[in-house]
Amino acid sequence: MVFQLTDEIGFPDPKLGDPDGLLAVGGDLSVDRLLLAYSYGIFPWYAFRDGMIQWWCPMDRFVIFPSEIHISHSMRNLMNKGCYRVSFNEAFEEVIHHCGELRMQEEGAWLGPEMMEAYTRLFEQNLAASVEVWEGDRLVGGLYGVCIGKCFFGESMFSLVPSASKLALIRLAQFLDSHGGTLIDCQFETPHLKSMGGRHISYEEYMALLRQDEEKETDAPD
């Protein structure tokens, strides 16, 4: 069942959503609504055709545990060469705009101006973070997501050179692993993320991990 949201900030029980994870449509992208959504594993996605905000919460969650990040032999070689520099939160708006430009070229593009503005507001309140990959002074890859407790909710990534987004994800996982991070929420399975250690867990296990840290806060990487 798909619910229609009202101006009141709230969500129906995620277990009542459609089997594919679509829970509700409508509402807004205010900071308060986004924080409530992510605290239950709910995330927004603009529908390409009708322009409405869709809210998704799959019961089968695809995550990466930081300590389980898989670094292939080729990635180790790339990292050892030192061709790229990785930073945190140096260019959040550039990262999200690159992600938006990439998605606008794809059918079903969802990362438009309203979404970018919403996540930038979260970043300004230290509730979102970015990882950047640089080749000299040129930004060639990165990712961004939401930070709540010890969990990182990945939203999008991009690469302008081979493996740049993989490098960003590896460095994020290493940072979280060394700072007590619990998980990286990947939202949906992709071959790219599965090859890097992503795996499925139940919604119950997922919520237990979120709840154990709900009263704790982890600073965004710096």
Protein backbone atom coordinates (compact mmCIF):
# COMPACT_ATOMS: atom_id res chain seq x y z
CA MET A 1 0.00 0.00 0.00
CA VAL A 2 1.29 3.48 -0.88
CA PHE A 3 0.29 6.33 1.45
CA GLN A 4 -0.24 10.02 0.67
CA LEU A 5 1.63 12.24 3.12
CA THR A 6 0.15 15.43 4.55
CA ASP A 7 1.80 18.60 5.85
CA GLU A 8 2.13 16.93 9.24
CA ILE A 9 5.59 15.45 9.68
CA GLY A 10 5.14 11.73 10.08
CA PHE A 11 5.25 8.42 8.23
CA PRO A 12 3.15 5.27 8.25
CA ASP A 13 4.57 1.99 9.53
CA PRO A 14 7.22 1.03 6.93
CA LYS A 15 6.02 -2.58 7.07
CA LEU A 16 2.75 -1.48 5.44
CA GLY A 17 4.43 -0.31 2.22
CA ASP A 18 4.53 -2.05 -1.15
CA PRO A 19 6.65 -5.22 -1.43
CA ASP A 20 9.19 -3.36 -3.57
CA GLY A 21 9.71 -0.81 -0.79
CA LEU A 22 7.62 2.15 -1.98
CA LEU A 23 5.90 3.48 1.14
CA ALA A 24 4.46 6.94 0.50
CA VAL A 25 4.31 9.93 -1.82
CA GLY A 26 4.13 13.66 -1.19
CA GLY A 27 5.32 15.67 1.78
CA ASP A 28 8.38 17.87 1.67
CA LEU A 29 12.16 17.76 2.09
CA SER A 30 12.46 19.71 5.32
CA VAL A 31 15.32 18.85 7.64
CA ASP A 32 12.93 17.54 10.30
CA ARG A 33 11.09 15.27 7.87
CA LEU A 34 14.33 13.92 6.39
CA LEU A 35 15.78 13.15 9.82
CA LEU A 36 12.62 11.35 10.85
CA ALA A 37 12.63 9.39 7.60
CA TYR A 38 16.24 8.25 7.86
CA SER A 39 15.79 7.26 11.49
CA TYR A 40 13.40 4.58 10.19
CA GLY A 41 15.40 3.68 7.10
CA ILE A 42 13.08 5.68 4.82
CA PHE A 43 14.61 7.70 2.00
CA PRO A 44 13.20 10.06 -0.67
CA TRP A 45 13.29 9.71 -4.41
CA TYR A 46 11.69 12.04 -6.93
CA ALA A 47 9.59 10.33 -9.57
CA PHE A 48 10.81 11.36 -13.01
CA ARG A 49 7.38 11.60 -14.64
CA ASP A 50 5.07 13.21 -12.09
CA GLY A 51 7.57 15.20 -10.03
CA MET A 52 6.24 13.94 -6.68
CA ILE A 53 8.51 12.85 -3.87
CA GLN A 54 8.45 9.11 -3.37
CA TRP A 55 9.47 7.67 0.01
CA TRP A 56 11.02 4.20 0.00
CA CYS A 57 11.76 1.72 2.76
CA PRO A 58 12.70 -1.78 1.52
CA MET A 59 12.29 -4.54 4.06
CA ASP A 60 15.31 -6.29 2.59
CA ARG A 61 18.19 -3.89 3.29
CA PHE A 62 21.43 -3.80 1.34
CA VAL A 63 24.33 -2.56 3.46
CA ILE A 64 28.08 -2.58 3.80
CA PHE A 65 29.59 -3.12 7.21
CA PRO A 66 32.72 -0.94 7.30
CA SER A 67 34.99 -3.74 8.50
CA GLU A 68 33.81 -5.92 5.59
CA ILE A 69 34.69 -3.55 2.75
CA HIS A 70 36.28 -5.55 -0.05
CA ILE A 71 39.40 -4.07 -1.64
CA SER A 72 40.34 -5.87 -4.82
CA HIS A 73 43.92 -6.44 -5.92
CA SER A 74 43.56 -3.83 -8.66
CA MET A 75 42.20 -1.28 -6.17
CA ARG A 76 45.09 -1.94 -3.79
CA ASN A 77 47.49 -1.30 -6.63
CA LEU A 78 45.70 1.93 -7.51
CA MET A 79 45.76 3.10 -3.90
CA ASN A 80 49.46 2.26 -3.55
CA LYS A 81 50.31 4.37 -6.57
CA GLY A 82 49.06 7.50 -4.80
CA CYS A 83 47.60 8.98 -7.99
CA TYR A 84 44.63 10.47 -6.17
CA ARG A 85 44.02 12.42 -2.98
CA VAL A 86 40.92 11.71 -0.92
CA SER A 87 39.28 14.33 1.29
CA PHE A 88 36.19 14.65 3.45
CA ASN A 89 33.75 17.56 3.28
CA GLU A 90 35.98 19.81 1.21
CA ALA A 91 33.56 20.13 -1.71
CA PHE A 92 30.11 18.88 -0.74
CA GLU A 93 28.22 21.09 -3.19
CA GLU A 94 30.54 20.16 -6.05
CA VAL A 95 30.06 16.47 -5.33
CA ILE A 96 26.28 16.67 -5.22
CA HIS A 97 26.17 18.73 -8.41
CA HIS A 98 28.36 16.21 -10.22
CA CYS A 99 26.03 13.44 -9.02
CA GLY A 100 23.06 15.47 -10.21
CA GLU A 101 24.54 16.08 -13.65
CA LEU A 102 25.26 12.38 -14.03
CA ARG A 103 21.74 11.38 -12.98
CA MET A 104 20.12 13.93 -15.30
CA GLN A 105 21.61 11.99 -18.20
CA GLU A 106 19.88 8.81 -17.08
CA GLU A 107 16.26 7.76 -17.49
CA GLY A 108 14.45 8.20 -14.20
CA ALA A 109 16.69 11.07 -13.08
CA TRP A 110 15.77 12.11 -9.57
CA LEU A 111 18.52 14.33 -8.18
CA GLY A 112 17.17 17.75 -9.14
CA PRO A 113 17.58 21.21 -7.55
CA GLU A 114 15.14 20.59 -4.68
CA MET A 115 16.93 17.42 -3.63
CA MET A 116 20.34 19.07 -3.87
CA GLU A 117 19.18 22.01 -1.78
CA ALA A 118 17.69 19.69 0.84
CA TYR A 119 20.90 17.69 1.31
CA THR A 120 22.98 20.85 1.32
CA ARG A 121 20.86 22.07 4.26
CA LEU A 122 21.62 18.80 6.04
CA PHE A 123 25.32 19.29 5.32
CA GLU A 124 25.22 22.81 6.75
CA GLN A 125 23.89 21.29 9.99
CA ASN A 126 26.57 18.57 10.06
CA LEU A 127 23.99 15.92 9.21
CA ALA A 128 25.43 15.01 5.82
CA ALA A 129 28.94 14.44 4.51
CA SER A 130 30.87 14.04 1.30
CA VAL A 131 33.99 12.19 0.23
CA GLU A 132 36.02 13.70 -2.60
CA VAL A 133 38.64 12.16 -4.89
CA TRP A 134 41.11 14.58 -6.49
CA GLU A 135 43.56 14.31 -9.33
CA GLY A 136 45.68 17.35 -8.67
CA ASP A 137 43.20 20.20 -8.32
CA ARG A 138 40.50 18.43 -10.32
CA LEU A 139 37.58 16.71 -8.61
CA VAL A 140 37.30 13.33 -10.35
CA GLY A 141 35.01 11.34 -8.09
CA GLY A 142 33.16 11.22 -4.83
CA LEU A 143 30.03 10.39 -2.90
CA TYR A 144 27.70 11.96 -0.37
CA GLY A 145 25.17 10.80 2.19
CA VAL A 146 23.45 11.42 5.50
CA CYS A 147 25.11 10.88 8.89
CA ILE A 148 22.94 9.84 11.82
CA GLY A 149 24.45 8.25 14.90
CA LYS A 150 27.13 5.85 13.76
CA CYS A 151 25.44 5.08 10.46
CA PHE A 152 26.08 6.55 7.02
CA PHE A 153 23.20 6.55 4.55
CA GLY A 154 24.74 6.68 1.10
CA GLU A 155 22.83 8.71 -1.45
CA SER A 156 24.84 8.96 -4.67
CA MET A 157 28.34 8.72 -6.11
CA PHE A 158 30.13 9.64 -9.31
CA SER A 159 33.35 8.94 -11.20
CA LEU A 160 35.01 10.95 -13.93
CA VAL A 161 37.94 8.52 -14.04
CA PRO A 162 37.90 4.74 -13.54
CA SER A 163 37.42 3.53 -9.94
CA ALA A 164 37.21 7.00 -8.34
CA SER A 165 33.86 6.27 -6.66
CA LYS A 166 35.23 2.92 -5.43
CA LEU A 167 38.15 4.73 -3.85
CA ALA A 168 35.79 7.18 -2.14
CA LEU A 169 33.71 4.31 -0.73
CA ILE A 170 36.78 2.45 0.52
CA ARG A 171 38.10 5.52 2.31
CA LEU A 172 34.68 6.15 3.84
CA ALA A 173 34.48 2.56 5.11
CA GLN A 174 37.99 2.80 6.54
CA PHE A 175 37.13 6.04 8.31
CA LEU A 176 33.94 4.58 9.79
CA ASP A 177 35.70 1.38 10.82
CA SER A 178 38.36 3.31 12.70
CA HIS A 179 35.77 5.58 14.37
CA GLY A 180 33.25 2.96 15.48
CA GLY A 181 30.88 3.34 12.54
CA THR A 182 28.13 0.73 12.37
CA LEU A 183 27.07 0.48 8.73
CA ILE A 184 26.80 2.08 5.33
CA ASP A 185 23.25 1.91 3.99
CA CYS A 186 23.45 1.34 0.22
CA GLN A 187 19.65 1.50 -0.28
CA PHE A 188 19.52 -0.84 -3.30
CA GLU A 189 21.81 -3.62 -4.51
CA THR A 190 24.05 -2.98 -7.51
CA PRO A 191 26.80 -5.23 -8.89
CA HIS A 192 29.29 -2.44 -8.11
CA LEU A 193 28.34 -2.34 -4.42
CA LYS A 194 27.97 -6.10 -4.07
CA SER A 195 31.50 -6.58 -5.36
CA MET A 196 32.73 -4.29 -2.60
CA GLY A 197 31.19 -6.24 0.26
CA GLY A 198 27.55 -5.24 0.22
CA ARG A 199 25.07 -7.77 1.58
CA HIS A 200 21.44 -8.10 2.56
CA ILE A 201 20.06 -7.97 6.08
CA SER A 202 16.49 -7.94 7.34
CA TYR A 203 14.71 -4.71 8.24
CA GLU A 204 14.54 -5.93 11.84
CA GLU A 205 18.33 -6.35 12.04
CA TYR A 206 18.79 -3.04 10.26
CA MET A 207 16.57 -1.17 12.75
CA ALA A 208 18.28 -2.84 15.69
CA LEU A 209 21.59 -1.43 14.46
CA LEU A 210 20.08 2.04 14.04
CA ARG A 211 18.40 1.94 17.43
CA GLN A 212 21.50 0.90 19.35
CA ASP A 213 23.08 4.21 18.33
CA GLU A 214 20.03 6.48 18.23
CA GLU A 215 21.10 8.44 21.30
CA LYS A 216 24.68 8.73 20.12
CA GLU A 217 26.04 11.12 17.54
CA THR A 218 28.99 10.70 15.24
CA ASP A 219 30.59 13.81 13.79
CA ALA A 220 30.73 13.97 10.02
CA PRO A 221 34.19 13.07 8.74
CA ASP A 222 36.64 15.97 8.59
